[in-house]
């Protein structure tokens, strides 16, 4: 059966589907014995690439693409291996425009620009997801977060974040790396840092572990620069920004499955537990915000964390009964934390 040239067109136009990717990959693998397909590649390249072919035959073109397809397959195997370790991670990826990008890099045309293609990673509630960006930057997405980025960076490397992420940025002095959140821009050259920017929350946080970052508002005005073990908390409700000294590893331990609290008040503890376990943790008595908590948990269930909280702080807790909604779905867990008057004096 003749190969559908429209599939090849969609590849070079950047409009291909996952099935198109599989079909074209299989066709490239068997291209050596298909004279008609080899001619289609050449004619298609001239017609849609708008570029001059090098003084090489189609074998060299196909060999180059074969090699890059194998590299892409190796990356997919690595990604699926990671997903097997974290079985509940259901990150949704928009596959990069592989062939168009590789063609651009290989032939380096002067008049052809790479299509504006973006990928998006979505991290489901209650899990964390590892990512690798096109420039070699790595990191993790936390529960309920989304990261959008171009499949090929140019002179500026900019990504958009909703939620929480840890970045280990590949150093490039000629190309600053920028994380754009709802109302902030965090610019770096090469460093490790954590960004918290969940929708519906009035504060955003940047915690620097190594290197240096510059934090700006959406208008490009610099708010501050951070050094290692510093945190910037921006409150958009009262328009304040507070810089403080912290232990950065306390805020980045979640990338290793660690939930670390170091003298955090109960309001902060409840907020982080809510994100970590995809539950609603409610502080029913503001007096609890006067007490701090110090502990490290490694992949502990929420029930065990609550038990330890009740032992080491003057609290009681109860869980509200969960009832199915009309559509049959159950709401997430809701934990009410109250103060235990009998234990208050023990912790003052």
Protein backbone atom coordinates (compact mmCIF):
# COMPACT_ATOMS: atom_id res chain seq x y z
CA UNK A 1 0.00 0.00 0.00
CA UNK A 2 1.34 3.41 -0.99
CA UNK A 3 2.51 5.68 1.77
CA UNK A 4 0.15 8.58 2.52
CA UNK A 5 2.08 11.72 1.66
CA UNK A 6 -0.24 13.75 3.88
CA UNK A 7 1.42 12.11 6.90
CA UNK A 8 4.78 13.43 5.71
CA UNK A 9 3.25 16.86 5.13
CA UNK A 10 1.85 16.95 8.65
CA UNK A 11 5.31 16.17 10.04
CA UNK A 12 6.93 19.13 8.33
CA UNK A 13 4.00 21.37 9.24
CA UNK A 14 4.15 20.30 12.88
CA UNK A 15 0.55 19.04 12.94
CA UNK A 16 1.11 15.32 13.33
CA UNK A 17 -0.58 12.94 15.76
CA UNK A 18 0.88 10.13 17.86
CA UNK A 19 -0.28 7.63 15.19
CA UNK A 20 1.44 9.72 12.51
CA UNK A 21 4.64 9.57 14.57
CA UNK A 22 4.49 5.78 14.80
CA UNK A 23 3.71 5.41 11.06
CA UNK A 24 6.55 7.68 9.95
CA UNK A 25 9.00 6.05 12.35
CA UNK A 26 8.17 2.61 10.96
CA UNK A 27 8.45 3.92 7.41
CA UNK A 28 11.89 5.42 8.04
CA UNK A 29 13.10 2.12 9.46
CA UNK A 30 12.11 0.26 6.26
CA UNK A 31 12.94 3.09 3.86
CA UNK A 32 16.05 1.40 2.45
CA UNK A 33 13.95 -0.99 0.35
CA UNK A 34 11.30 1.47 -0.75
CA UNK A 35 12.36 3.50 -3.76
CA UNK A 36 9.03 5.31 -4.00
CA UNK A 37 9.26 6.50 -0.40
CA UNK A 38 12.86 7.65 -0.84
CA UNK A 39 11.77 9.80 -3.79
CA UNK A 40 8.87 11.17 -1.74
CA UNK A 41 11.29 12.27 0.97
CA UNK A 42 13.38 14.24 -1.52
CA UNK A 43 10.42 15.83 -3.29
CA UNK A 44 8.71 16.63 -0.04
CA UNK A 45 11.84 18.20 1.40
CA UNK A 46 12.15 20.59 -1.53
CA UNK A 47 8.42 21.38 -1.68
CA UNK A 48 7.75 21.97 1.99
CA UNK A 49 11.15 22.60 3.49
CA UNK A 50 11.76 25.69 1.35
CA UNK A 51 15.44 24.96 1.66
CA UNK A 52 18.26 23.83 -0.58
CA UNK A 53 19.35 20.21 -0.18
CA UNK A 54 23.00 19.53 0.64
CA UNK A 55 25.17 17.78 -1.88
CA UNK A 56 24.31 14.37 -0.45
CA UNK A 57 21.99 11.59 -1.51
CA UNK A 58 18.84 10.52 0.32
CA UNK A 59 20.72 7.72 2.14
CA UNK A 60 22.58 10.26 4.24
CA UNK A 61 19.35 12.08 5.04
CA UNK A 62 17.62 8.87 6.11
CA UNK A 63 20.65 7.70 8.13
CA UNK A 64 20.66 10.97 10.03
CA UNK A 65 16.94 10.72 10.84
CA UNK A 66 17.32 7.02 11.76
CA UNK A 67 19.93 7.98 14.34
CA UNK A 68 17.80 10.73 15.84
CA UNK A 69 14.73 8.46 15.99
CA UNK A 70 16.79 5.95 18.00
CA UNK A 71 17.84 8.70 20.38
CA UNK A 72 14.19 9.69 20.79
CA UNK A 73 13.25 6.06 21.48
CA UNK A 74 15.96 5.83 24.16
CA UNK A 75 14.57 8.94 25.83
CA UNK A 76 11.09 7.41 25.78
CA UNK A 77 12.38 4.19 27.36
CA UNK A 78 14.04 6.22 30.11
CA UNK A 79 10.86 8.20 30.71
CA UNK A 80 8.69 5.08 30.87
CA UNK A 81 11.20 3.47 33.26
CA UNK A 82 10.78 6.40 35.60
CA UNK A 83 7.00 6.13 35.34
CA UNK A 84 7.16 2.50 36.35
CA UNK A 85 8.96 3.55 39.53
CA UNK A 86 6.24 6.12 40.23
CA UNK A 87 3.29 4.07 39.06
CA UNK A 88 0.73 6.71 39.89
CA UNK A 89 2.36 9.45 37.84
CA UNK A 90 0.18 10.23 34.84
CA UNK A 91 2.07 13.10 33.27
CA UNK A 92 0.47 14.20 29.99
CA UNK A 93 3.07 15.17 27.39
CA UNK A 94 2.55 16.82 24.04
CA UNK A 95 5.17 15.15 21.86
CA UNK A 96 7.77 17.51 20.39
CA UNK A 97 7.95 18.19 16.68
CA UNK A 98 10.86 15.82 16.37
CA UNK A 99 11.49 15.66 12.65
CA UNK A 100 10.99 19.37 11.98
CA UNK A 101 13.36 20.24 14.82
CA UNK A 102 16.03 17.77 13.72
CA UNK A 103 15.80 18.95 10.14
CA UNK A 104 16.33 22.52 11.31
CA UNK A 105 19.41 21.57 13.31
CA UNK A 106 20.91 19.40 10.58
CA UNK A 107 20.47 21.62 7.54
CA UNK A 108 20.65 24.98 9.39
CA UNK A 109 18.54 26.93 6.85
CA UNK A 110 18.90 30.68 6.74
CA UNK A 111 15.28 31.47 5.86
CA UNK A 112 13.32 28.78 7.66
CA UNK A 113 12.18 29.33 11.22
CA UNK A 114 11.22 26.58 13.64
CA UNK A 115 7.48 26.34 14.16
CA UNK A 116 6.17 27.77 17.42
CA UNK A 117 5.60 24.45 19.14
CA UNK A 118 5.01 24.01 22.86
CA UNK A 119 4.89 21.01 25.14
CA UNK A 120 3.02 20.73 28.42
CA UNK A 121 3.53 18.46 31.42
CA UNK A 122 0.66 18.01 33.85
CA UNK A 123 1.31 16.44 37.26
CA UNK A 124 -1.80 14.84 38.83
CA UNK A 125 -2.78 15.49 42.42
CA UNK A 126 -0.96 13.46 45.03
CA UNK A 127 2.13 12.60 42.94
CA UNK A 128 5.32 14.19 41.64
CA UNK A 129 6.81 14.09 38.14
CA UNK A 130 10.40 14.37 36.89
CA UNK A 131 11.10 16.34 33.71
CA UNK A 132 13.97 17.10 31.31
CA UNK A 133 13.77 20.23 29.15
CA UNK A 134 15.28 20.64 25.64
CA UNK A 135 18.29 22.61 26.95
CA UNK A 136 19.26 19.93 29.51
CA UNK A 137 17.56 21.62 32.47
CA UNK A 138 16.01 19.03 34.80
CA UNK A 139 13.61 19.16 37.71
CA UNK A 140 10.43 17.92 39.35
CA UNK A 141 6.78 18.99 39.27
CA UNK A 142 4.82 18.68 42.49
CA UNK A 143 1.22 17.63 43.00
CA UNK A 144 -1.35 19.42 40.83
CA UNK A 145 1.21 21.43 38.84
CA UNK A 146 1.60 22.23 35.14
CA UNK A 147 4.72 23.22 33.18
CA UNK A 148 4.62 24.60 29.61
CA UNK A 149 7.76 25.11 27.49
CA UNK A 150 8.85 25.44 23.84
CA UNK A 151 10.16 22.25 22.24
CA UNK A 152 13.23 24.22 21.13
CA UNK A 153 14.72 27.12 23.07
CA UNK A 154 16.20 30.14 21.27
CA UNK A 155 18.22 33.00 22.78
CA UNK A 156 15.77 33.17 25.67
CA UNK A 157 14.70 30.13 27.63
CA UNK A 158 11.27 30.76 29.11
CA UNK A 159 8.85 28.29 30.73
CA UNK A 160 5.47 28.85 32.36
CA UNK A 161 4.58 27.28 35.70
CA UNK A 162 1.35 26.76 37.59
CA UNK A 163 1.83 25.06 40.96
CA UNK A 164 5.19 24.01 42.40
CA UNK A 165 8.42 22.95 40.69
CA UNK A 166 12.08 22.41 41.46
CA UNK A 167 14.55 23.41 38.73
CA UNK A 168 18.18 22.44 38.17
CA UNK A 169 18.96 24.87 35.36
CA UNK A 170 21.60 24.13 32.73
CA UNK A 171 24.11 26.99 32.82
CA UNK A 172 24.24 29.22 29.75
CA UNK A 173 25.44 32.81 30.17
CA UNK A 174 24.24 33.79 26.69
CA UNK A 175 20.72 32.52 27.31
CA UNK A 176 19.03 33.38 30.64
CA UNK A 177 16.42 30.94 31.92
CA UNK A 178 13.09 32.44 33.03
CA UNK A 179 10.24 30.86 34.96
CA UNK A 180 7.01 32.77 34.41
CA UNK A 181 4.28 32.31 37.04
CA UNK A 182 0.95 34.04 37.43
CA UNK A 183 2.44 37.37 38.49
CA UNK A 184 6.21 36.90 38.71
CA UNK A 185 9.24 36.22 36.51
CA UNK A 186 12.24 34.38 37.96
CA UNK A 187 15.40 34.78 35.86
CA UNK A 188 18.59 32.73 36.28
CA UNK A 189 21.65 31.54 34.33
CA UNK A 190 22.33 28.22 36.02
CA UNK A 191 21.15 27.32 39.49
CA UNK A 192 18.86 25.15 41.63
CA UNK A 193 15.72 26.64 43.12
CA UNK A 194 12.11 25.97 44.06
CA UNK A 195 9.04 27.94 42.91
CA UNK A 196 5.59 27.75 44.51
CA UNK A 197 2.73 29.43 42.65
CA UNK A 198 -0.58 27.61 43.07
CA UNK A 199 -3.75 29.14 41.60
CA UNK A 200 -6.19 30.39 44.20
CA UNK A 201 -3.45 31.21 46.72
CA UNK A 202 -2.54 34.83 47.46
CA UNK A 203 1.18 34.14 47.95
CA UNK A 204 4.00 32.96 45.72
CA UNK A 205 7.37 31.70 46.98
CA UNK A 206 10.85 31.33 45.50
CA UNK A 207 13.45 29.39 47.48
CA UNK A 208 17.05 29.44 46.23
CA UNK A 209 19.32 26.47 46.90
CA UNK A 210 22.41 27.32 44.83
CA UNK A 211 23.50 30.15 42.53
CA UNK A 212 21.58 33.41 42.23
CA UNK A 213 18.16 34.43 40.91
CA UNK A 214 16.52 37.71 40.02
CA UNK A 215 12.80 38.04 40.77
CA UNK A 216 10.72 40.52 38.75
CA UNK A 217 7.06 41.40 38.44
CA UNK A 218 5.12 41.02 35.18
CA UNK A 219 6.11 44.54 34.15
CA UNK A 220 9.80 43.63 34.33
CA UNK A 221 10.51 45.56 37.52
CA UNK A 222 13.11 43.86 39.71
CA UNK A 223 11.78 43.03 43.17
CA UNK A 224 14.94 41.49 44.58
CA UNK A 225 17.85 39.13 44.03
CA UNK A 226 18.22 35.97 46.12
CA UNK A 227 21.33 34.22 47.40
CA UNK A 228 21.50 30.57 48.50
CA UNK A 229 19.23 29.63 51.43
CA UNK A 230 17.02 32.65 50.95
CA UNK A 231 13.26 32.68 50.38
CA UNK A 232 11.09 35.38 48.85
CA UNK A 233 7.41 35.37 49.77
CA UNK A 234 5.22 37.68 47.69
CA UNK A 235 1.72 38.42 48.97
CA UNK A 236 -0.41 39.73 46.11
CA UNK A 237 -3.31 40.54 48.40
CA UNK A 238 -1.52 43.19 50.47
CA UNK A 239 1.19 43.85 47.83
CA UNK A 240 4.13 42.92 50.07
CA UNK A 241 7.34 41.01 49.45
CA UNK A 242 9.36 39.48 52.29
CA UNK A 243 12.85 38.00 51.99
CA UNK A 244 14.01 35.60 54.71
CA UNK A 245 16.83 33.17 55.47
CA UNK A 246 15.83 29.49 55.39
CA UNK A 247 17.28 26.02 55.01
CA UNK A 248 16.59 25.44 51.32
CA UNK A 249 16.69 21.64 51.61
CA UNK A 250 13.63 21.91 53.86
CA UNK A 251 11.66 23.10 50.84
CA UNK A 252 13.24 20.89 48.17
CA UNK A 253 13.19 17.56 50.02
CA UNK A 254 9.84 16.74 48.39
CA UNK A 255 11.74 15.86 45.19
CA UNK A 256 13.14 12.84 47.08
CA UNK A 257 9.87 11.87 48.70
CA UNK A 258 10.69 13.70 51.94
CA UNK A 259 8.26 15.95 53.75
CA UNK A 260 10.44 18.20 55.92
CA UNK A 261 9.21 20.63 58.57
CA UNK A 262 11.65 22.87 60.44
CA UNK A 263 9.95 25.11 62.99
CA UNK A 264 6.99 25.81 60.73
CA UNK A 265 3.73 27.05 62.20
CA UNK A 266 0.62 24.91 61.99
CA UNK A 267 -0.86 27.04 59.21
CA UNK A 268 2.13 26.28 56.99
CA UNK A 269 2.08 22.61 58.02
CA UNK A 270 -1.60 22.29 57.10
CA UNK A 271 -1.03 24.00 53.75
CA UNK A 272 1.84 21.69 52.79
CA UNK A 273 0.00 18.57 53.98
CA UNK A 274 -3.00 19.57 51.87
CA UNK A 275 -0.86 19.77 48.74
CA UNK A 276 1.17 16.66 49.50
CA UNK A 277 -1.75 14.33 50.20
CA UNK A 278 -4.41 15.98 48.03
CA UNK A 279 -6.57 16.51 51.10
CA UNK A 280 -8.26 19.50 52.71
CA UNK A 281 -6.58 20.24 56.04
CA UNK A 282 -8.48 22.89 58.02
CA UNK A 283 -7.11 24.71 61.09
CA UNK A 284 -10.22 25.37 63.19
CA UNK A 285 -8.49 27.40 65.92
CA UNK A 286 -6.10 30.26 65.06
CA UNK A 287 -4.32 29.78 68.39
CA UNK A 288 -2.65 26.73 66.78
CA UNK A 289 -0.70 29.06 64.51
CA UNK A 290 1.41 29.99 67.53
CA UNK A 291 2.88 26.47 67.72
CA UNK A 292 5.67 25.20 65.46
CA UNK A 293 6.46 21.75 64.21
CA UNK A 294 9.79 20.01 63.55
CA UNK A 295 9.93 16.63 61.76
CA UNK A 296 10.88 14.72 58.61
CA UNK A 297 8.62 12.16 56.96
CA UNK A 298 9.60 9.83 54.12
CA UNK A 299 6.63 8.49 52.15
CA UNK A 300 4.48 8.25 55.28
CA UNK A 301 0.68 7.99 54.89
CA UNK A 302 -1.38 10.96 56.06
CA UNK A 303 -2.86 9.04 59.01
CA UNK A 304 0.60 8.40 60.48
CA UNK A 305 1.59 12.06 60.08
CA UNK A 306 -1.57 13.18 61.87
CA UNK A 307 -0.95 10.75 64.73
CA UNK A 308 2.55 12.15 65.24
CA UNK A 309 1.22 15.70 65.09
CA UNK A 310 -1.26 14.87 67.85
CA UNK A 311 1.55 13.47 70.01
CA UNK A 312 3.99 16.33 69.58
CA UNK A 313 1.62 19.32 69.48
CA UNK A 314 -1.52 20.28 71.45
CA UNK A 315 -3.97 19.25 68.76
CA UNK A 316 -6.88 16.94 68.15
CA UNK A 317 -8.17 16.06 64.71
CA UNK A 318 -11.14 14.43 63.09
CA UNK A 319 -12.01 13.44 59.57
CA UNK A 320 -15.34 14.37 58.07
CA UNK A 321 -17.42 11.59 56.58
CA UNK A 322 -17.14 11.33 52.83
CA UNK A 323 -20.32 10.86 50.86
CA UNK A 324 -20.61 10.32 47.14
CA UNK A 325 -21.94 13.20 45.08
CA UNK A 326 -24.76 12.81 42.56
CA UNK A 327 -22.24 11.78 39.90
CA UNK A 328 -20.91 8.98 42.12
CA UNK A 329 -17.59 10.68 42.84
CA UNK A 330 -16.26 11.06 46.38
CA UNK A 331 -14.75 14.39 47.50
CA UNK A 332 -11.17 14.48 48.75
CA UNK A 333 -10.51 13.87 52.42
CA UNK A 334 -11.26 16.73 54.80
CA UNK A 335 -9.39 16.85 58.14
CA UNK A 336 -10.40 19.32 60.86
CA UNK A 337 -7.62 20.21 63.31
CA UNK A 338 -8.61 21.70 66.68
CA UNK A 339 -6.72 22.69 69.81
CA UNK A 340 -6.63 20.43 72.85
CA UNK A 341 -6.85 22.75 75.91
CA UNK A 342 -5.58 20.05 78.26
CA UNK A 343 -2.30 19.78 76.36
CA UNK A 344 -1.61 23.48 75.71
CA UNK A 345 0.55 24.08 78.79
CA UNK A 346 2.78 21.11 77.89
CA UNK A 347 3.98 22.85 74.76
CA UNK A 348 4.53 26.40 75.90
